[in-house]
Amino acid sequence: MRATFLATIALSNILPATMAFAGDQDFTLLNKTGYEIEKVYVSAVNAKSWEEDILGKETLDDGQSVNISFKRNESACRWDLMVVYTDGDKATWTNLNLCRISKVTLFWDRKNEVTRATLE
């Protein structure tokens, strides 16, 4: 299944209103890690590949957010998320129910050296 979504980058204090043709899986990804994120992938659970980087040529600086919008006809609720930092380190979350999540905020846990996420 090919992922059907759009991404727009916005500063965290300038988040646009929900798009008229948005899907139930739309969410905002907020980077509070202290580091720049180079790539973001969102793929359906059990997909054989990560598809394309939704940021394209952009990056997601610390403190910035990206609104990830799905097409209205997308019905799958379960998705996997992966971010790749500019140094190549990766963090992955699986089986996220995006029909129930509106915001994912990423934090760097220095003590455990891992990226953690809070889901709203």
N, C-alpha and C. Protein backbone atom coordinates (compact mmCIF):
# COMPACT_ATOMS: atom_id res chain seq x y z
N MET A 1 0.84 -1.16 0.00
CA MET A 1 0.00 0.00 0.00
C MET A 1 0.90 1.24 0.00
N ARG A 2 0.63 2.16 -0.86
CA ARG A 2 1.42 3.38 -0.94
C ARG A 2 0.81 4.41 0.00
N ALA A 3 1.63 5.02 0.82
CA ALA A 3 1.16 6.03 1.76
C ALA A 3 0.62 7.23 0.98
N THR A 4 -0.49 7.78 1.47
CA THR A 4 -1.08 8.94 0.81
C THR A 4 -1.18 10.07 1.81
N PHE A 5 -0.16 10.92 1.82
CA PHE A 5 -0.16 12.04 2.75
C PHE A 5 0.64 13.19 2.18
N LEU A 6 0.43 14.35 2.75
CA LEU A 6 1.15 15.56 2.39
C LEU A 6 1.80 16.09 3.66
N ALA A 7 2.88 16.81 3.53
CA ALA A 7 3.51 17.40 4.70
C ALA A 7 3.77 18.87 4.44
N THR A 8 3.53 19.67 5.47
CA THR A 8 3.86 21.08 5.39
C THR A 8 4.65 21.44 6.63
N ILE A 9 5.71 22.20 6.45
CA ILE A 9 6.53 22.60 7.59
C ILE A 9 6.06 23.96 8.07
N ALA A 10 5.91 24.07 9.39
CA ALA A 10 5.49 25.33 9.99
C ALA A 10 6.23 25.50 11.30
N LEU A 11 6.51 26.72 11.65
CA LEU A 11 7.07 26.98 12.97
C LEU A 11 6.02 26.59 13.99
N SER A 12 6.45 26.11 15.15
CA SER A 12 5.52 25.57 16.13
C SER A 12 4.48 26.58 16.59
N ASN A 13 4.74 27.85 16.47
CA ASN A 13 3.75 28.84 16.90
C ASN A 13 2.89 29.34 15.75
N ILE A 14 3.04 28.77 14.56
CA ILE A 14 2.26 29.19 13.41
C ILE A 14 1.69 27.94 12.73
N LEU A 15 0.87 27.19 13.43
CA LEU A 15 0.32 25.97 12.88
C LEU A 15 -0.97 26.27 12.13
N PRO A 16 -1.05 25.87 10.86
CA PRO A 16 -2.25 26.15 10.09
C PRO A 16 -3.44 25.32 10.56
N ALA A 17 -4.63 25.79 10.24
CA ALA A 17 -5.85 25.08 10.59
C ALA A 17 -5.93 23.78 9.80
N THR A 18 -6.77 22.87 10.25
CA THR A 18 -6.94 21.59 9.57
C THR A 18 -7.41 21.82 8.14
N MET A 19 -6.83 21.07 7.23
CA MET A 19 -7.18 21.21 5.83
C MET A 19 -8.56 20.62 5.56
N ALA A 20 -9.29 21.21 4.60
CA ALA A 20 -10.64 20.78 4.27
C ALA A 20 -10.69 19.35 3.78
N PHE A 21 -9.64 18.87 3.14
CA PHE A 21 -9.63 17.53 2.59
C PHE A 21 -8.76 16.59 3.41
N ALA A 22 -8.64 16.81 4.67
CA ALA A 22 -7.76 16.05 5.53
C ALA A 22 -8.36 14.70 5.91
N GLY A 23 -7.48 13.75 6.24
CA GLY A 23 -7.90 12.44 6.70
C GLY A 23 -7.90 12.37 8.22
N ASP A 24 -8.50 11.30 8.73
CA ASP A 24 -8.56 11.11 10.18
C ASP A 24 -7.18 10.89 10.79
N GLN A 25 -6.19 10.54 9.98
CA GLN A 25 -4.85 10.21 10.48
C GLN A 25 -3.93 11.42 10.59
N ASP A 26 -4.39 12.60 10.23
CA ASP A 26 -3.55 13.79 10.27
C ASP A 26 -2.96 14.01 11.66
N PHE A 27 -1.70 14.42 11.70
CA PHE A 27 -1.08 14.73 12.99
C PHE A 27 0.05 15.73 12.80
N THR A 28 0.44 16.33 13.90
CA THR A 28 1.56 17.26 13.91
C THR A 28 2.74 16.57 14.59
N LEU A 29 3.90 16.66 13.96
CA LEU A 29 5.14 16.13 14.53
C LEU A 29 5.97 17.30 14.99
N LEU A 30 6.26 17.37 16.28
CA LEU A 30 7.01 18.47 16.88
C LEU A 30 8.37 17.98 17.34
N ASN A 31 9.42 18.65 16.89
CA ASN A 31 10.79 18.28 17.23
C ASN A 31 11.26 19.10 18.43
N LYS A 32 11.38 18.46 19.59
CA LYS A 32 11.90 19.09 20.80
C LYS A 32 13.14 18.34 21.28
N THR A 33 13.89 17.77 20.33
CA THR A 33 15.03 16.93 20.67
C THR A 33 16.31 17.71 20.94
N GLY A 34 16.37 18.94 20.44
CA GLY A 34 17.61 19.69 20.53
C GLY A 34 18.50 19.47 19.31
N TYR A 35 18.03 18.65 18.37
CA TYR A 35 18.81 18.31 17.18
C TYR A 35 17.96 18.48 15.92
N GLU A 36 18.63 18.63 14.79
CA GLU A 36 17.95 18.75 13.50
C GLU A 36 17.59 17.36 12.96
N ILE A 37 16.37 17.22 12.49
CA ILE A 37 15.91 15.98 11.86
C ILE A 37 15.98 16.17 10.36
N GLU A 38 16.66 15.24 9.69
CA GLU A 38 16.86 15.34 8.25
C GLU A 38 15.74 14.67 7.45
N LYS A 39 15.19 13.57 7.97
CA LYS A 39 14.19 12.82 7.23
C LYS A 39 13.09 12.33 8.17
N VAL A 40 11.88 12.26 7.62
CA VAL A 40 10.73 11.72 8.35
C VAL A 40 10.01 10.77 7.40
N TYR A 41 9.74 9.57 7.89
CA TYR A 41 9.03 8.57 7.10
C TYR A 41 7.79 8.13 7.87
N VAL A 42 6.69 7.99 7.16
CA VAL A 42 5.46 7.45 7.72
C VAL A 42 4.98 6.39 6.73
N SER A 43 4.89 5.15 7.20
CA SER A 43 4.47 4.05 6.33
C SER A 43 3.43 3.21 7.05
N ALA A 44 2.53 2.65 6.27
CA ALA A 44 1.52 1.76 6.83
C ALA A 44 2.20 0.60 7.55
N VAL A 45 1.59 0.14 8.63
CA VAL A 45 2.11 -1.01 9.36
C VAL A 45 2.26 -2.17 8.38
N ASN A 46 3.35 -2.90 8.51
CA ASN A 46 3.67 -4.06 7.67
C ASN A 46 4.05 -3.70 6.23
N ALA A 47 4.26 -2.42 5.94
CA ALA A 47 4.72 -2.04 4.60
C ALA A 47 6.13 -2.59 4.41
N LYS A 48 6.48 -2.93 3.19
CA LYS A 48 7.79 -3.52 2.90
C LYS A 48 8.90 -2.48 2.80
N SER A 49 8.53 -1.19 2.70
CA SER A 49 9.54 -0.13 2.64
C SER A 49 9.00 1.12 3.33
N TRP A 50 9.88 2.07 3.55
CA TRP A 50 9.49 3.32 4.20
C TRP A 50 8.94 4.33 3.21
N GLU A 51 8.90 4.01 1.94
CA GLU A 51 8.45 4.96 0.91
C GLU A 51 9.40 6.14 0.85
N GLU A 52 8.88 7.35 0.58
CA GLU A 52 9.75 8.52 0.43
C GLU A 52 9.79 9.35 1.71
N ASP A 53 10.85 10.12 1.84
CA ASP A 53 11.02 11.06 2.95
C ASP A 53 10.00 12.18 2.76
N ILE A 54 9.12 12.36 3.73
CA ILE A 54 8.06 13.36 3.56
C ILE A 54 8.56 14.80 3.69
N LEU A 55 9.76 14.99 4.22
CA LEU A 55 10.30 16.35 4.31
C LEU A 55 10.89 16.81 2.98
N GLY A 56 11.18 15.86 2.11
CA GLY A 56 11.80 16.22 0.83
C GLY A 56 13.16 16.85 1.05
N LYS A 57 13.37 18.04 0.52
CA LYS A 57 14.66 18.73 0.66
C LYS A 57 14.75 19.53 1.94
N GLU A 58 13.65 19.65 2.68
CA GLU A 58 13.62 20.41 3.92
C GLU A 58 14.17 19.57 5.08
N THR A 59 14.44 20.23 6.20
CA THR A 59 14.77 19.54 7.44
C THR A 59 13.85 20.08 8.52
N LEU A 60 13.83 19.42 9.66
CA LEU A 60 12.99 19.83 10.78
C LEU A 60 13.90 20.21 11.94
N ASP A 61 14.10 21.51 12.11
CA ASP A 61 14.97 22.01 13.17
C ASP A 61 14.33 21.81 14.54
N ASP A 62 15.15 21.84 15.57
CA ASP A 62 14.64 21.79 16.93
C ASP A 62 13.65 22.93 17.13
N GLY A 63 12.50 22.63 17.72
CA GLY A 63 11.47 23.63 17.97
C GLY A 63 10.48 23.79 16.84
N GLN A 64 10.76 23.19 15.68
CA GLN A 64 9.83 23.28 14.56
C GLN A 64 8.91 22.07 14.53
N SER A 65 7.82 22.23 13.79
CA SER A 65 6.88 21.13 13.63
C SER A 65 6.56 20.94 12.16
N VAL A 66 6.03 19.78 11.84
CA VAL A 66 5.55 19.50 10.50
C VAL A 66 4.14 18.92 10.65
N ASN A 67 3.21 19.43 9.85
CA ASN A 67 1.86 18.88 9.82
C ASN A 67 1.82 17.82 8.74
N ILE A 68 1.43 16.62 9.13
CA ILE A 68 1.37 15.51 8.19
C ILE A 68 -0.10 15.23 7.94
N SER A 69 -0.51 15.44 6.70
CA SER A 69 -1.92 15.32 6.33
C SER A 69 -2.11 14.17 5.35
N PHE A 70 -3.11 13.37 5.59
CA PHE A 70 -3.46 12.25 4.74
C PHE A 70 -4.65 12.63 3.86
N LYS A 71 -4.75 12.00 2.73
CA LYS A 71 -5.91 12.24 1.87
C LYS A 71 -7.16 11.68 2.54
N ARG A 72 -8.28 12.30 2.26
CA ARG A 72 -9.54 11.93 2.90
C ARG A 72 -9.89 10.46 2.69
N ASN A 73 -9.54 9.88 1.56
CA ASN A 73 -9.93 8.50 1.27
C ASN A 73 -9.00 7.46 1.91
N GLU A 74 -7.96 7.88 2.61
CA GLU A 74 -7.07 6.94 3.31
C GLU A 74 -7.83 6.36 4.51
N SER A 75 -7.90 5.03 4.61
CA SER A 75 -8.69 4.43 5.68
C SER A 75 -7.86 3.77 6.78
N ALA A 76 -6.61 3.44 6.52
CA ALA A 76 -5.77 2.77 7.53
C ALA A 76 -5.49 3.70 8.70
N CYS A 77 -5.60 3.16 9.91
CA CYS A 77 -5.31 3.94 11.11
C CYS A 77 -3.93 3.64 11.68
N ARG A 78 -3.39 2.46 11.45
CA ARG A 78 -2.12 2.01 12.03
C ARG A 78 -0.95 2.32 11.11
N TRP A 79 0.03 3.09 11.64
CA TRP A 79 1.18 3.54 10.85
C TRP A 79 2.45 3.43 11.67
N ASP A 80 3.58 3.31 10.97
CA ASP A 80 4.90 3.34 11.59
C ASP A 80 5.54 4.69 11.27
N LEU A 81 6.38 5.17 12.17
CA LEU A 81 7.05 6.46 12.03
C LEU A 81 8.54 6.28 12.26
N MET A 82 9.35 6.87 11.40
CA MET A 82 10.80 6.87 11.59
C MET A 82 11.34 8.25 11.30
N VAL A 83 12.24 8.72 12.18
CA VAL A 83 12.95 9.97 11.93
C VAL A 83 14.44 9.65 11.83
N VAL A 84 15.12 10.43 10.97
CA VAL A 84 16.56 10.26 10.78
C VAL A 84 17.20 11.62 11.03
N TYR A 85 18.14 11.66 11.97
CA TYR A 85 18.85 12.89 12.28
C TYR A 85 19.92 13.18 11.24
N THR A 86 20.43 14.38 11.23
CA THR A 86 21.45 14.76 10.25
C THR A 86 22.74 13.95 10.41
N ASP A 87 22.98 13.35 11.58
CA ASP A 87 24.17 12.52 11.76
C ASP A 87 23.92 11.06 11.41
N GLY A 88 22.70 10.75 10.93
CA GLY A 88 22.37 9.39 10.51
C GLY A 88 21.69 8.54 11.56
N ASP A 89 21.68 8.97 12.83
CA ASP A 89 20.97 8.22 13.86
C ASP A 89 19.49 8.19 13.54
N LYS A 90 18.81 7.09 13.92
CA LYS A 90 17.40 6.90 13.62
C LYS A 90 16.62 6.58 14.88
N ALA A 91 15.34 6.91 14.84
CA ALA A 91 14.40 6.51 15.90
C ALA A 91 13.12 6.06 15.20
N THR A 92 12.55 4.96 15.69
CA THR A 92 11.38 4.37 15.05
C THR A 92 10.31 4.05 16.09
N TRP A 93 9.06 4.28 15.69
CA TRP A 93 7.90 3.90 16.48
C TRP A 93 6.98 3.12 15.57
N THR A 94 6.42 2.03 16.08
CA THR A 94 5.59 1.17 15.25
C THR A 94 4.16 1.10 15.76
N ASN A 95 3.26 0.80 14.84
CA ASN A 95 1.86 0.53 15.15
C ASN A 95 1.17 1.70 15.86
N LEU A 96 1.44 2.92 15.42
CA LEU A 96 0.78 4.09 15.99
C LEU A 96 -0.63 4.21 15.42
N ASN A 97 -1.62 4.38 16.27
CA ASN A 97 -2.99 4.56 15.81
C ASN A 97 -3.20 6.05 15.53
N LEU A 98 -2.95 6.46 14.30
CA LEU A 98 -3.01 7.87 13.96
C LEU A 98 -4.44 8.40 13.90
N CYS A 99 -5.43 7.52 13.92
CA CYS A 99 -6.82 7.98 14.00
C CYS A 99 -7.13 8.52 15.40
N ARG A 100 -6.27 8.21 16.37
CA ARG A 100 -6.46 8.67 17.75
C ARG A 100 -5.37 9.62 18.23
N ILE A 101 -4.39 9.89 17.38
CA ILE A 101 -3.26 10.75 17.75
C ILE A 101 -3.31 12.01 16.91
N SER A 102 -3.21 13.17 17.56
CA SER A 102 -3.21 14.43 16.80
C SER A 102 -1.84 15.12 16.84
N LYS A 103 -1.01 14.71 17.82
CA LYS A 103 0.30 15.34 17.95
C LYS A 103 1.31 14.34 18.50
N VAL A 104 2.49 14.31 17.87
CA VAL A 104 3.61 13.51 18.34
C VAL A 104 4.75 14.49 18.62
N THR A 105 5.19 14.53 19.87
CA THR A 105 6.30 15.40 20.25
C THR A 105 7.50 14.54 20.58
N LEU A 106 8.62 14.84 19.93
CA LEU A 106 9.85 14.07 20.12
C LEU A 106 10.80 14.79 21.06
N PHE A 107 11.40 14.03 21.97
CA PHE A 107 12.37 14.54 22.94
C PHE A 107 13.60 13.63 22.93
N TRP A 108 14.77 14.21 23.15
CA TRP A 108 15.99 13.43 23.31
C TRP A 108 16.19 13.15 24.79
N ASP A 109 16.24 11.88 25.16
CA ASP A 109 16.47 11.45 26.53
C ASP A 109 17.97 11.23 26.69
N ARG A 110 18.68 12.25 27.19
CA ARG A 110 20.15 12.19 27.29
C ARG A 110 20.62 11.06 28.22
N LYS A 111 19.91 10.84 29.30
CA LYS A 111 20.30 9.82 30.26
C LYS A 111 20.33 8.43 29.63
N ASN A 112 19.31 8.10 28.84
CA ASN A 112 19.22 6.78 28.22
C ASN A 112 19.66 6.77 26.76
N GLU A 113 20.06 7.94 26.24
CA GLU A 113 20.52 8.10 24.87
C GLU A 113 19.54 7.51 23.86
N VAL A 114 18.29 7.98 23.96
CA VAL A 114 17.23 7.50 23.08
C VAL A 114 16.24 8.64 22.83
N THR A 115 15.63 8.63 21.65
CA THR A 115 14.56 9.58 21.37
C THR A 115 13.27 8.99 21.90
N ARG A 116 12.53 9.78 22.65
CA ARG A 116 11.23 9.33 23.14
C ARG A 116 10.16 10.22 22.56
N ALA A 117 8.94 9.70 22.55
CA ALA A 117 7.83 10.45 21.97
C ALA A 117 6.67 10.51 22.97
N THR A 118 6.01 11.66 23.01
CA THR A 118 4.74 11.75 23.73
C THR A 118 3.66 11.88 22.68
N LEU A 119 2.55 11.22 22.92
CA LEU A 119 1.44 11.17 21.98
C LEU A 119 0.23 11.86 22.59
N GLU A 120 -0.37 12.72 21.80
CA GLU A 120 -1.59 13.40 22.27
C GLU A 120 -2.72 13.09 21.32
